[in-house]
Amino acid sequence: MRRRWQSRRPAVQIDRRAFLSALGGTLFLAQQADPLRDPARAGQSRAAVGEVDNSEVIKGIERRLKCTCGCNLDIFTCRTTDFTCTYSPALHQEVLALHEAGNAPDEIIASFVGKYGEQILMAPKPEGFNLVAYLVPGIVVLIAGTVLALVLLRRQRTLQAERADAAETATESPPPTSEDLERLREALSEVSD
């Protein structure tokens, strides 16, 4: 039995150190080939970020404007979280160019609305038909809350009235008749005997 087992052993024997070093080398090469480990391959290469790029004025402007890549994020969030987006860096450069030209934040936003339309805004202006979008949800919630409160009050009054009626009928008992009194006397006389 023992000889058969020994004959099935592989011809090449490898010691533990050689195996671990080969495994480590393979893992190292696999890690080097991984595109996610290389920042240059993980997205578009970006220019160095300066103080103006992250100033509160620029952030405020970019948070009011939507990125045009279809992600429905504002420009600042898209450019700082989605490194594969090519639209948000270009929009950021437009904002910077308008800001460096001396435009105020409202003028920059007006320029973007003129160029891309009102869909570039994160929230529509509260004027004209847009007021409906701002007011209708609040009005609907207010009306639904009022109707619900009225229904609950009416139901509570009905339940209270039913309970009062049930209590009155439970406490009211008809006066005893002469037959009832006679049966009671007979029952008492039987018990006392």
Foldseek 3Di string as FASTA:
>chain_A
DVVVVVVPDDPDDDDPVVVVVVVVVVVVVVCVPDQVNDPVSPAPDDDDDDPVLPDPQLVVLQQFFAFPPPPLGGLVVCVVPPRHDPGSVVVSVLSVVCVVVPDHSVVSVVVCCVVPNQVRGSQGDCDDPSVCVVPVVVVVVVVVVVVVVVVVVVVVVVVVVVVVVVVVVVPDDDDDDPVRVVVVVVVVVVVVD
